[in-house]
PDB file of N, CA and C in Angstrom:
ATOM      1  N   UNK A   1       0.951  -1.119   0.040  1.00  0.00           N
ATOM      2  CA  UNK A   1       0.165  -0.142  -0.127  1.00  0.00           C
ATOM      3  C   UNK A   1       0.854   1.109   0.035  1.00  0.00           C
ATOM      4  N   UNK A   2       0.832   2.264  -1.001  1.00  0.00           N
ATOM      5  CA  UNK A   2       1.217   3.225  -0.993  1.00  0.00           C
ATOM      6  C   UNK A   2       0.571   4.252  -0.171  1.00  0.00           C
ATOM      7  N   UNK A   3       1.232   4.997   0.430  1.00  0.00           N
ATOM      8  CA  UNK A   3       0.590   6.190   1.352  1.00  0.00           C
ATOM      9  C   UNK A   3       1.566   7.315   1.445  1.00  0.00           C
ATOM     10  N   UNK A   4       1.375   8.571   0.832  1.00  0.00           N
ATOM     11  CA  UNK A   4       1.394   9.554   0.594  1.00  0.00           C
ATOM     12  C   UNK A   4       1.985  10.185   1.891  1.00  0.00           C
ATOM     13  N   UNK A   5       2.981  10.992   2.083  1.00  0.00           N
ATOM     14  CA  UNK A   5       3.661  11.784   3.287  1.00  0.00           C
ATOM     15  C   UNK A   5       4.576  12.650   2.490  1.00  0.00           C
ATOM     16  N   UNK A   6       4.913  13.633   4.108  1.00  0.00           N
ATOM     17  CA  UNK A   6       5.573  14.732   3.848  1.00  0.00           C
ATOM     18  C   UNK A   6       6.774  14.156   5.151  1.00  0.00           C
ATOM     19  N   UNK A   7       7.495  14.331   4.921  1.00  0.00           N
ATOM     20  CA  UNK A   7       9.049  14.168   5.974  1.00  0.00           C
ATOM     21  C   UNK A   7       9.848  15.566   6.242  1.00  0.00           C
ATOM     22  N   UNK A   8       9.676  15.783   7.618  1.00  0.00           N
ATOM     23  CA  UNK A   8      10.441  17.118   7.395  1.00  0.00           C
ATOM     24  C   UNK A   8      11.219  17.293   8.883  1.00  0.00           C
ATOM     25  N   UNK A   9      12.133  18.091   8.874  1.00  0.00           N
ATOM     26  CA  UNK A   9      13.134  17.844  10.269  1.00  0.00           C
ATOM     27  C   UNK A   9      13.320  19.725  10.552  1.00  0.00           C
ATOM     28  N   UNK A  10      13.803  19.591  11.809  1.00  0.00           N
ATOM     29  CA  UNK A  10      13.790  21.116  12.930  1.00  0.00           C
ATOM     30  C   UNK A  10      14.486  20.706  13.837  1.00  0.00           C
ATOM     31  N   UNK A  11      15.633  21.396  14.213  1.00  0.00           N
ATOM     32  CA  UNK A  11      16.089  21.482  15.531  1.00  0.00           C
ATOM     33  C   UNK A  11      16.683  19.724  15.823  1.00  0.00           C
ATOM     34  N   UNK A  12      16.495  19.079  14.871  1.00  0.00           N
ATOM     35  CA  UNK A  12      17.086  17.908  15.282  1.00  0.00           C
ATOM     36  C   UNK A  12      15.873  16.823  15.228  1.00  0.00           C
ATOM     37  N   UNK A  13      15.001  17.328  15.002  1.00  0.00           N
ATOM     38  CA  UNK A  13      13.713  16.354  15.165  1.00  0.00           C
ATOM     39  C   UNK A  13      13.432  16.041  13.835  1.00  0.00           C
ATOM     40  N   UNK A  14      12.457  14.621  13.823  1.00  0.00           N
ATOM     41  CA  UNK A  14      12.404  14.301  12.277  1.00  0.00           C
ATOM     42  C   UNK A  14      10.533  14.050  12.594  1.00  0.00           C
ATOM     43  N   UNK A  15      10.180  14.838  11.333  1.00  0.00           N
ATOM     44  CA  UNK A  15       8.453  14.803  11.365  1.00  0.00           C
ATOM     45  C   UNK A  15       7.837  14.023  10.289  1.00  0.00           C
ATOM     46  N   UNK A  16       7.179  12.972  10.407  1.00  0.00           N
ATOM     47  CA  UNK A  16       6.298  12.453   9.153  1.00  0.00           C
ATOM     48  C   UNK A  16       5.006  12.910   9.411  1.00  0.00           C
ATOM     49  N   UNK A  17       4.473  13.564   8.303  1.00  0.00           N
ATOM     50  CA  UNK A  17       3.312  13.789   8.196  1.00  0.00           C
ATOM     51  C   UNK A  17       2.199  13.325   7.121  1.00  0.00           C
ATOM     52  N   UNK A  18       1.233  12.819   7.456  1.00  0.00           N
ATOM     53  CA  UNK A  18       0.537  11.832   6.461  1.00  0.00           C
ATOM     54  C   UNK A  18      -1.038  12.779   6.598  1.00  0.00           C
ATOM     55  N   UNK A  19      -1.917  13.066   5.531  1.00  0.00           N
ATOM     56  CA  UNK A  19      -2.937  13.682   5.545  1.00  0.00           C
ATOM     57  C   UNK A  19      -3.947  12.938   5.182  1.00  0.00           C
ATOM     58  N   UNK A  20      -5.059  12.696   6.297  1.00  0.00           N
ATOM     59  CA  UNK A  20      -6.403  11.696   5.962  1.00  0.00           C
ATOM     60  C   UNK A  20      -7.369  12.584   6.206  1.00  0.00           C
ATOM     61  N   UNK A  21      -7.325  13.630   5.496  1.00  0.00           N
ATOM     62  CA  UNK A  21      -8.806  14.639   5.738  1.00  0.00           C
ATOM     63  C   UNK A  21      -9.531  13.803   4.291  1.00  0.00           C
ATOM     64  N   UNK A  22      -8.982  13.580   3.242  1.00  0.00           N
ATOM     65  CA  UNK A  22      -9.880  13.117   2.373  1.00  0.00           C
ATOM     66  C   UNK A  22      -9.997  11.814   2.047  1.00  0.00           C
ATOM     67  N   UNK A  23      -8.922  10.771   2.665  1.00  0.00           N
ATOM     68  CA  UNK A  23      -8.629   9.332   2.371  1.00  0.00           C
ATOM     69  C   UNK A  23      -7.894   8.950   4.098  1.00  0.00           C
ATOM     70  N   UNK A  24      -8.864   7.966   4.283  1.00  0.00           N
ATOM     71  CA  UNK A  24      -8.726   7.386   5.549  1.00  0.00           C
ATOM     72  C   UNK A  24      -7.447   6.479   5.205  1.00  0.00           C
ATOM     73  N   UNK A  25      -6.240   6.019   5.525  1.00  0.00           N
ATOM     74  CA  UNK A  25      -5.364   4.918   5.505  1.00  0.00           C
ATOM     75  C   UNK A  25      -5.340   4.021   6.541  1.00  0.00           C
ATOM     76  N   UNK A  26      -6.249   4.183   7.579  1.00  0.00           N
ATOM     77  CA  UNK A  26      -6.153   2.708   8.316  1.00  0.00           C
ATOM     78  C   UNK A  26      -5.111   2.498   8.972  1.00  0.00           C
ATOM     79  N   UNK A  27      -4.247   3.139   9.293  1.00  0.00           N
ATOM     80  CA  UNK A  27      -3.263   3.235  10.033  1.00  0.00           C
ATOM     81  C   UNK A  27      -3.246   2.911  11.669  1.00  0.00           C
ATOM     82  N   UNK A  28      -2.549   1.449  11.832  1.00  0.00           N
ATOM     83  CA  UNK A  28      -2.714   1.280  13.285  1.00  0.00           C
ATOM     84  C   UNK A  28      -1.572   1.998  14.015  1.00  0.00           C
ATOM     85  N   UNK A  29      -1.599   1.607  15.579  1.00  0.00           N
ATOM     86  CA  UNK A  29      -0.768   1.589  16.407  1.00  0.00           C
ATOM     87  C   UNK A  29       0.960   1.105  16.150  1.00  0.00           C
ATOM     88  N   UNK A  30       0.737   0.205  15.539  1.00  0.00           N
ATOM     89  CA  UNK A  30       1.674  -0.555  14.873  1.00  0.00           C
ATOM     90  C   UNK A  30       2.114  -0.743  14.123  1.00  0.00           C
ATOM     91  N   UNK A  31       1.565  -0.452  12.947  1.00  0.00           N
ATOM     92  CA  UNK A  31       2.210  -0.010  11.697  1.00  0.00           C
ATOM     93  C   UNK A  31       2.927   1.740  11.739  1.00  0.00           C
ATOM     94  N   UNK A  32       2.261   1.888  12.580  1.00  0.00           N
ATOM     95  CA  UNK A  32       2.998   3.618  12.600  1.00  0.00           C
ATOM     96  C   UNK A  32       4.481   3.446  13.242  1.00  0.00           C
ATOM     97  N   UNK A  33       4.434   2.685  14.033  1.00  0.00           N
ATOM     98  CA  UNK A  33       5.527   2.170  15.091  1.00  0.00           C
ATOM     99  C   UNK A  33       6.545   1.705  14.231  1.00  0.00           C
ATOM    100  N   UNK A  34       6.103   0.628  13.116  1.00  0.00           N
ATOM    101  CA  UNK A  34       7.001   0.249  11.917  1.00  0.00           C
ATOM    102  C   UNK A  34       7.400   1.399  11.156  1.00  0.00           C
ATOM    103  N   UNK A  35       6.580   2.227  10.712  1.00  0.00           N
ATOM    104  CA  UNK A  35       6.954   3.147   9.898  1.00  0.00           C
ATOM    105  C   UNK A  35       8.156   4.180  10.465  1.00  0.00           C
ATOM    106  N   UNK A  36       7.979   4.516  11.852  1.00  0.00           N
ATOM    107  CA  UNK A  36       8.775   5.540  12.287  1.00  0.00           C
ATOM    108  C   UNK A  36       9.881   4.765  12.953  1.00  0.00           C
ATOM    109  N   UNK A  37       9.960   3.419  12.163  1.00  0.00           N
ATOM    110  CA  UNK A  37      11.706   2.594  12.781  1.00  0.00           C
ATOM    111  C   UNK A  37      12.899   3.257  11.690  1.00  0.00           C
ATOM    112  N   UNK A  38      13.744   3.831  12.348  1.00  0.00           N
ATOM    113  CA  UNK A  38      14.540   4.113  11.556  1.00  0.00           C
ATOM    114  C   UNK A  38      15.443   3.032  10.573  1.00  0.00           C
ATOM    115  N   UNK A  39      15.732   2.003  11.128  1.00  0.00           N
ATOM    116  CA  UNK A  39      16.192   0.761  10.183  1.00  0.00           C
ATOM    117  C   UNK A  39      15.381  -0.030   9.139  1.00  0.00           C
ATOM    118  N   UNK A  40      14.198   0.201   9.402  1.00  0.00           N
ATOM    119  CA  UNK A  40      13.042  -0.522   8.815  1.00  0.00           C
ATOM    120  C   UNK A  40      12.007   0.056   7.894  1.00  0.00           C
ATOM    121  N   UNK A  41      11.852   1.253   8.447  1.00  0.00           N
ATOM    122  CA  UNK A  41      10.675   2.396   7.981  1.00  0.00           C
ATOM    123  C   UNK A  41      11.262   3.527   7.082  1.00  0.00           C
ATOM    124  N   UNK A  42      10.411   4.287   7.268  1.00  0.00           N
ATOM    125  CA  UNK A  42      10.812   5.577   6.925  1.00  0.00           C
ATOM    126  C   UNK A  42      11.974   6.763   8.115  1.00  0.00           C
ATOM    127  N   UNK A  43      11.491   6.254   9.072  1.00  0.00           N
ATOM    128  CA  UNK A  43      12.310   6.733  10.356  1.00  0.00           C
ATOM    129  C   UNK A  43      11.882   8.462  10.661  1.00  0.00           C
ATOM    130  N   UNK A  44      11.295   8.081  11.854  1.00  0.00           N
ATOM    131  CA  UNK A  44      11.052   9.608  12.305  1.00  0.00           C
ATOM    132  C   UNK A  44      11.213   9.784  13.667  1.00  0.00           C
ATOM    133  N   UNK A  45      10.921  11.060  14.683  1.00  0.00           N
ATOM    134  CA  UNK A  45      10.954  11.150  16.075  1.00  0.00           C
ATOM    135  C   UNK A  45       9.029  11.098  16.212  1.00  0.00           C
ATOM    136  N   UNK A  46       8.891  12.304  15.335  1.00  0.00           N
ATOM    137  CA  UNK A  46       7.059  12.151  15.510  1.00  0.00           C
ATOM    138  C   UNK A  46       6.257  11.882  14.497  1.00  0.00           C
ATOM    139  N   UNK A  47       5.264  11.095  14.506  1.00  0.00           N
ATOM    140  CA  UNK A  47       4.431  10.931  13.427  1.00  0.00           C
ATOM    141  C   UNK A  47       2.904  12.022  13.582  1.00  0.00           C
ATOM    142  N   UNK A  48       2.698  12.356  12.541  1.00  0.00           N
ATOM    143  CA  UNK A  48       1.528  13.359  12.508  1.00  0.00           C
ATOM    144  C   UNK A  48       0.685  13.146  11.512  1.00  0.00           C
ATOM    145  N   UNK A  49      -0.960  12.317  12.477  1.00  0.00           N
ATOM    146  CA  UNK A  49      -1.788  12.409  11.129  1.00  0.00           C
ATOM    147  C   UNK A  49      -3.175  13.674  11.158  1.00  0.00           C
ATOM    148  N   UNK A  50      -3.337  14.268   9.948  1.00  0.00           N
ATOM    149  CA  UNK A  50      -4.197  15.093   9.695  1.00  0.00           C
ATOM    150  C   UNK A  50      -5.260  14.757   9.236  1.00  0.00           C
ATOM    151  N   UNK A  51      -6.222  14.707  10.204  1.00  0.00           N
ATOM    152  CA  UNK A  51      -7.598  14.446  10.629  1.00  0.00           C
ATOM    153  C   UNK A  51      -8.692  15.383   9.944  1.00  0.00           C
TER     154      UNK A  51
END
């Protein structure tokens, strides 16, 4: 499944932002944790979902 996202950084922190206002992707807490993993996923400190 392809999920469009934005990755931003500032002051040593990484943020992944997913916009779910138009379409829900059904991201579970486990899936978000996998995406936030720096070794196996996108890698981030903060994961933001816009609803």
